[in-house]
Amino acid sequence: MNILERAQRFVDSLRELAGRTSQQWLRCPQCGSTNTIKNGHYTRNPWTLEGRKEIKVQRHFCKDCSHSYSEERAELVRRSWYSRGVHRATIDHWQHGGSSLRRVAEFMRSWIGHQERWRMWMPFTEKEREGGRCELGASTVQRWLVKAGKVAQESVPRQMRGIACSGEMGTDGLWARLRGGEQCVVLMLVGYVSGLIWPPIVAAEEASRRSWAILFERAKIAGLAIEELNGITSDGAQGLMGYLRHHLGAVHQQRCLWHLWRSLCRQIARVVARTMAQQPQSERKAKHHELNKLLEPFLNAQSHEAGEAALSKLANHDLGSVIAQALHPLMDAILVHLLPCHRGLCRVGPEWYWRDFRLRLGHGRNHGSDQRLEQALLVWAIYRNFTPAQRRSERKRHYRHPGQSPLEVAGAPPGDLCYLDALQV
């Protein structure tokens, strides 16, 4: 059962629960007998988005199995002071709004209780709603998020089963600092054509093959056909290169040009500083700019012949021979995206995904353990796969599939389902 089927089953269960009549509740859920009687009621006073409400819950007693049960409601969450709408709005405010737990709790308290910041928003209305003050706290929001994270962990097996994958992937890592100064790295695998994020992991380091083996094994458990992988764009992480060499030898690796530019600029700066130490600063900057101009045609070559010509021109430069020697063994890996069999393979790693993840304040600073960080990652990945891209392009940002979610691009449109349904909130 993939993530869409899980979400649909959850929504169907809520609809079935909301559509049950009083006559249907006369049937015992334990044994199926209709030999039941009403057995009083009790009152619940949950906080909803419209304020605090008083709801009477009918109880029943089965004479055959001596089992007592209560009528359930789709809008109520068992053993919670808050309705399902409050749960969903709070988690969505934290995830989509990118705020902290404390601020999310403060905003939701103000909204549903007409208190605190509500007085700033609506100064000429009633001060507070009836039913007392809402006491929603950050620890309660954290418990809801932990519950959603556990559901996300349980949904990893076969999460993407039946969802198309082009085989052109990208991977990257992000270092995160936990409480106590401990560091870990988040590893992510992305399908370039659709933009789907496969379940990420938290590892101790990215230099070992074991960490990358765990990432690809989790993707395999989630439904990825490893034998259909064709190309992977990444940086020069030794652990990944070793894993691909020993386990996925048929997969071509495209070196990320962004990482290459960053490392080559440092190398050029060292070469210029070493050979032109006695020259003025203006001449060193001019030489640095000249080498960059020779390097750009090679990295942006439209064919292998053009790449060889640009590399030869760089090697003939008085300061470019060292850089050309370092680039020559990487030429095939830099120009892999030009091969006809790698249509759809991107030249840069999925760095831009971390920008969206960093907007959430839970990328390491609010987590005391790697397990809680991984739960937040899995929740974010599901959120990202369900959320459609912005329809309107910006000045510096353009969207390949405006208004479409990665699941929709992959051929599995979620329709009316959302990530909160997949997390069973």
Foldseek 3Di string as FASTA:
>chain_A
DALLVLLVVLVVVQVVLAPDDPQNVCQDPVPRDNQKDWDDWDWAFAQELQATDIDIWTKMAHPPVRDIDIRDHSQPDPPDNHTPRLLVVLVCCQQVVQDALAVSQVVSQCRRFVEDCVCVVCVPDDRTDPDDGDDRGSVVNVVSLVLLLVLLVVNLQQHCAPFDAQLQKEKEKDWFAAPPRQIWIKIWIAGQQLGATRQIAIGNDQQALVNVVVGVVSSVRNHDDLVNHAEYEYAVRNNVVVNCVPPVVNHAYAYAVVNVVVVVLVVLLVLLCVVVVVPDPVVSVVVSVVLVVLVVQLLPPLDLVSNVVSLVVQCPDPRRVVVSVVCVVCSCNSCVCNDPSNPSHDNHHPPVVVVSVVSHVLCHYPDNDSSSNSSVSSLSSLQQQQDAAAQDADPPGDDPGHPAGSSVSSVRHSVPGHSCSSSSD
